N, C-alpha and C. Protein backbone atom coordinates (compact mmCIF):
# COMPACT_ATOMS: atom_id res chain seq x y z
N UNK A 1 6.80 9.31 4.56
CA UNK A 1 6.65 8.58 3.34
C UNK A 1 6.35 7.25 3.81
N UNK A 2 5.36 6.54 3.45
CA UNK A 2 5.11 4.98 3.25
C UNK A 2 5.90 4.45 2.15
N UNK A 3 6.44 3.21 2.56
CA UNK A 3 7.29 2.26 1.36
C UNK A 3 6.89 1.13 1.01
N UNK A 4 6.61 0.93 -0.46
CA UNK A 4 5.88 0.17 -1.03
C UNK A 4 6.57 -1.46 -0.36
N UNK A 5 7.95 -0.81 -0.36
CA UNK A 5 8.48 -2.24 -0.31
C UNK A 5 8.13 -2.44 1.32
N UNK A 6 8.02 -1.94 2.46
CA UNK A 6 8.06 -2.36 3.55
C UNK A 6 6.27 -3.00 3.65
N UNK A 7 5.43 -2.43 2.68
CA UNK A 7 4.00 -2.99 2.56
C UNK A 7 3.59 -4.10 2.48
N UNK A 8 4.58 -4.52 1.37
CA UNK A 8 4.67 -5.79 0.62
C UNK A 8 5.25 -6.64 1.41
N UNK A 9 6.54 -6.66 2.31
CA UNK A 9 7.26 -7.34 3.40
C UNK A 9 5.71 -7.76 4.71
N UNK A 10 5.36 -6.69 5.15
CA UNK A 10 4.09 -6.80 5.85
C UNK A 10 3.12 -7.48 5.52
N UNK A 11 2.69 -7.47 4.19
CA UNK A 11 1.95 -8.17 3.60
C UNK A 11 2.13 -9.51 3.71
N UNK A 12 3.49 -10.14 3.70
CA UNK A 12 3.98 -11.55 3.71
C UNK A 12 3.69 -11.79 5.31
N UNK A 13 3.15 -10.92 6.18
CA UNK A 13 2.85 -11.62 7.66
C UNK A 13 1.63 -12.54 7.44
N UNK A 14 1.18 -13.11 6.46
CA UNK A 14 -0.01 -13.81 6.40
C UNK A 14 0.88 -15.23 6.57
N UNK A 15 1.76 -15.62 5.85
CA UNK A 15 2.47 -16.79 6.31
C UNK A 15 2.85 -17.04 7.63
N UNK A 16 2.90 -15.98 8.59
CA UNK A 16 3.21 -16.24 10.12
C UNK A 16 1.63 -16.54 10.66
N UNK A 17 0.45 -16.36 10.10
CA UNK A 17 -0.76 -15.72 10.24
C UNK A 17 -1.26 -14.84 10.85
N UNK A 18 -0.26 -13.72 10.48
CA UNK A 18 -0.63 -12.43 11.11
C UNK A 18 -1.17 -11.40 9.73
N UNK A 19 -2.11 -11.78 9.33
CA UNK A 19 -2.87 -11.16 8.07
C UNK A 19 -3.11 -9.47 8.38
N UNK A 20 -2.94 -8.47 7.50
CA UNK A 20 -3.77 -7.00 7.81
C UNK A 20 -2.55 -6.42 8.47
N UNK A 21 -1.04 -6.69 8.53
CA UNK A 21 0.03 -5.93 8.93
C UNK A 21 0.15 -4.67 8.26
N UNK A 22 0.17 -4.92 6.83
CA UNK A 22 0.20 -4.12 6.05
C UNK A 22 -0.85 -2.54 5.68
N UNK A 23 -2.13 -3.40 6.38
CA UNK A 23 -2.91 -2.27 6.69
C UNK A 23 -2.87 -1.60 7.84
N UNK A 24 -2.39 -2.27 8.70
CA UNK A 24 -1.90 -1.18 10.06
C UNK A 24 -0.85 -0.41 9.49
N UNK A 25 0.17 -0.57 8.96
CA UNK A 25 0.93 0.18 8.73
C UNK A 25 0.51 1.49 7.76
N UNK A 26 -0.57 1.41 7.08
CA UNK A 26 -1.19 2.25 5.87
C UNK A 26 -2.03 3.39 6.62
N UNK A 27 -2.25 2.72 8.13
CA UNK A 27 -3.33 3.67 9.18
C UNK A 27 -4.60 3.01 8.95
N UNK A 28 -4.72 2.23 8.05
CA UNK A 28 -6.04 1.57 8.29
C UNK A 28 -6.52 0.31 9.36
N UNK A 29 -6.95 0.75 10.90
CA UNK A 29 -6.86 0.11 11.58
C UNK A 29 -7.83 -0.66 11.73
N UNK A 30 -9.24 0.14 11.55
CA UNK A 30 -10.31 -1.14 11.44
C UNK A 30 -10.06 -1.78 10.52
N UNK A 31 -9.61 -2.06 9.16
CA UNK A 31 -9.48 -3.22 8.44
C UNK A 31 -8.17 -3.83 8.89
N UNK A 32 -7.42 -3.34 9.70
CA UNK A 32 -6.51 -4.31 10.07
C UNK A 32 -6.52 -5.00 11.15
N UNK A 33 -7.78 -4.70 12.00
CA UNK A 33 -8.22 -5.64 12.75
C UNK A 33 -8.81 -6.88 12.29
N UNK A 34 -9.78 -6.28 11.35
CA UNK A 34 -10.61 -7.20 10.23
C UNK A 34 -9.89 -8.23 9.70
N UNK A 35 -8.98 -7.80 9.34
CA UNK A 35 -8.03 -8.80 8.35
C UNK A 35 -7.22 -9.70 9.51
N UNK A 36 -6.80 -9.19 10.56
CA UNK A 36 -6.01 -10.12 11.38
C UNK A 36 -6.94 -11.54 12.42
N UNK A 37 -8.28 -10.67 12.65
CA UNK A 37 -9.39 -11.24 13.10
C UNK A 37 -10.09 -12.54 11.96
N UNK A 38 -9.78 -12.34 10.84
CA UNK A 38 -10.75 -13.06 9.78
C UNK A 38 -9.41 -13.66 8.90
N UNK A 39 -8.21 -14.03 9.26
CA UNK A 39 -7.05 -14.23 8.23
C UNK A 39 -7.42 -13.63 6.59
N UNK A 40 -7.30 -12.31 6.66
CA UNK A 40 -7.46 -11.12 5.22
C UNK A 40 -8.75 -11.78 4.77
N UNK A 41 -9.92 -11.84 5.70
CA UNK A 41 -11.28 -12.41 5.02
C UNK A 41 -11.35 -13.49 4.25
N UNK A 42 -10.45 -14.47 5.16
CA UNK A 42 -10.61 -15.92 4.48
C UNK A 42 -9.33 -15.87 3.02
N UNK A 43 -8.38 -15.20 3.06
CA UNK A 43 -7.60 -14.98 2.33
C UNK A 43 -7.73 -14.17 1.29
N UNK A 44 -9.09 -13.99 0.91
CA UNK A 44 -9.68 -13.57 -0.22
C UNK A 44 -9.16 -11.72 -0.47
N UNK A 45 -9.49 -11.34 0.76
CA UNK A 45 -9.25 -9.81 0.68
C UNK A 45 -7.54 -9.77 0.77
N UNK A 46 -6.78 -10.49 1.39
CA UNK A 46 -5.41 -10.64 1.33
C UNK A 46 -4.59 -10.76 -0.01
N UNK A 47 -5.22 -11.53 -0.76
CA UNK A 47 -5.21 -11.53 -2.34
C UNK A 47 -5.49 -10.53 -3.04
N UNK A 48 -6.66 -9.89 -2.86
CA UNK A 48 -6.88 -8.60 -3.05
C UNK A 48 -5.82 -7.66 -3.22
N UNK A 49 -5.72 -7.43 -1.92
CA UNK A 49 -4.47 -6.40 -1.50
C UNK A 49 -3.16 -6.73 -2.35
N UNK A 50 -2.51 -8.06 -2.42
CA UNK A 50 -1.50 -8.66 -3.08
C UNK A 50 -1.38 -7.48 -4.41
N UNK A 51 -2.44 -7.20 -5.28
CA UNK A 51 -2.63 -6.71 -6.30
C UNK A 51 -2.89 -5.29 -6.48
N UNK A 52 -3.18 -4.54 -5.30
CA UNK A 52 -3.86 -3.40 -4.81
C UNK A 52 -3.20 -2.51 -4.23
N UNK A 53 -1.88 -3.35 -3.60
CA UNK A 53 -1.11 -2.71 -2.51
C UNK A 53 -0.36 -1.54 -2.80
N UNK A 54 0.14 -1.65 -4.06
CA UNK A 54 1.08 -0.37 -4.33
C UNK A 54 0.38 0.93 -4.84
N UNK A 55 -0.99 0.91 -5.32
CA UNK A 55 -1.91 1.94 -5.31
C UNK A 55 -2.22 2.29 -3.77
N UNK A 56 -2.80 1.51 -3.03
CA UNK A 56 -2.91 1.92 -1.59
C UNK A 56 -1.75 3.03 -1.21
N UNK A 57 -0.72 2.09 -1.14
CA UNK A 57 0.63 3.02 -0.76
C UNK A 57 0.46 4.45 -1.19
N UNK A 58 0.24 4.60 -2.42
CA UNK A 58 0.36 6.17 -3.03
C UNK A 58 -0.47 6.63 -2.88
N UNK A 59 -1.98 6.65 -2.58
CA UNK A 59 -3.12 7.16 -2.28
C UNK A 59 -3.05 7.75 -0.84
N UNK A 60 -2.21 6.81 0.01
CA UNK A 60 -1.78 7.07 1.59
C UNK A 60 -0.82 8.50 1.52
N UNK A 61 0.25 8.12 0.67
CA UNK A 61 1.27 9.04 0.48
C UNK A 61 0.72 10.32 0.02
N UNK A 62 -0.31 10.48 -0.98
CA UNK A 62 -0.81 11.46 -2.02
C UNK A 62 -1.32 12.47 -0.53
N UNK A 63 -2.20 11.75 0.31
CA UNK A 63 -3.17 11.81 1.07
C UNK A 63 -2.47 12.83 2.04
N UNK A 64 -1.04 12.54 2.14
CA UNK A 64 -0.22 13.01 3.24
C UNK A 64 0.82 14.38 2.60
N UNK A 65 0.16 14.55 1.18
CA UNK A 65 1.21 15.46 0.51
C UNK A 65 2.35 15.07 -0.39
N UNK A 66 2.79 13.78 -0.07
CA UNK A 66 3.73 13.22 -1.09
C UNK A 66 3.20 12.92 -2.43
N UNK A 67 4.75 12.70 -3.28
CA UNK A 67 4.27 12.48 -4.52
C UNK A 67 4.30 11.56 -4.90
N UNK A 68 3.44 10.47 -5.52
CA UNK A 68 3.81 9.33 -5.54
C UNK A 68 5.22 8.66 -6.23
N UNK A 69 6.07 7.92 -6.06
CA UNK A 69 7.43 7.58 -6.85
C UNK A 69 6.97 6.93 -8.17
N UNK A 70 7.80 7.18 -8.95
CA UNK A 70 7.83 6.64 -10.39
C UNK A 70 6.81 7.55 -11.36
N UNK A 71 6.52 8.48 -10.87
CA UNK A 71 5.48 9.21 -11.59
C UNK A 71 5.74 10.52 -11.51
N UNK A 72 6.42 11.16 -12.61
CA UNK A 72 7.00 12.63 -12.84
C UNK A 72 6.20 13.50 -12.86
N UNK A 73 6.06 14.78 -12.09
CA UNK A 73 4.84 15.76 -12.25
C UNK A 73 4.82 16.44 -13.56
N UNK A 74 3.92 17.05 -13.81
CA UNK A 74 3.86 17.89 -15.17
C UNK A 74 4.98 18.53 -15.43
N UNK A 75 5.44 19.24 -14.87
CA UNK A 75 7.17 20.19 -14.96
C UNK A 75 8.13 19.24 -15.15
N UNK A 76 8.29 18.07 -14.82
CA UNK A 76 9.28 17.34 -15.00
C UNK A 76 9.13 16.76 -16.28
N UNK A 77 7.88 16.51 -16.78
CA UNK A 77 7.68 15.76 -18.24
C UNK A 77 7.92 16.65 -19.08
N UNK A 78 7.33 17.99 -18.92
CA UNK A 78 7.83 19.14 -19.84
C UNK A 78 9.06 19.01 -20.14
N UNK A 79 10.15 19.09 -19.06
CA UNK A 79 11.39 19.18 -19.10
C UNK A 79 12.02 18.27 -20.16
N UNK A 80 11.51 16.81 -19.41
CA UNK A 80 12.14 15.81 -20.52
C UNK A 80 11.56 15.64 -21.96
N UNK A 81 10.52 16.28 -22.04
CA UNK A 81 10.26 16.29 -23.66
C UNK A 81 10.66 17.59 -24.80
N UNK A 82 11.43 18.11 -23.66
CA UNK A 82 12.25 19.36 -24.11
C UNK A 82 11.33 20.55 -24.40
N UNK A 83 10.65 21.16 -23.73
CA UNK A 83 9.58 21.67 -23.88
C UNK A 83 10.04 23.15 -23.37
C-alpha cells in the first residue's frame, strides 16, 4: 500500500532538483523520467501534482485492491449510522 506522506516527501525532491520522484514511487515511470528531464514540466506539472497527489495515491492503491484511507466502505457507513 502506497502512503501519501511518502509521496509528498518525494514530491519535495524538487528542492534538490529531483522532480518526479513521487511519480516513480507511484509506478509512473514514463512521466517520472519526463519530470526529471524537464524539472516537473518547468514546475507546472510539479505544482499540479501538489494538489492532485493524494488522489493519485488513492488511485494506485485502488488499482492494487486497497481501500483508500479515510473513506469508510458502505458497510462501515451503515454501522456508524445505526442501520
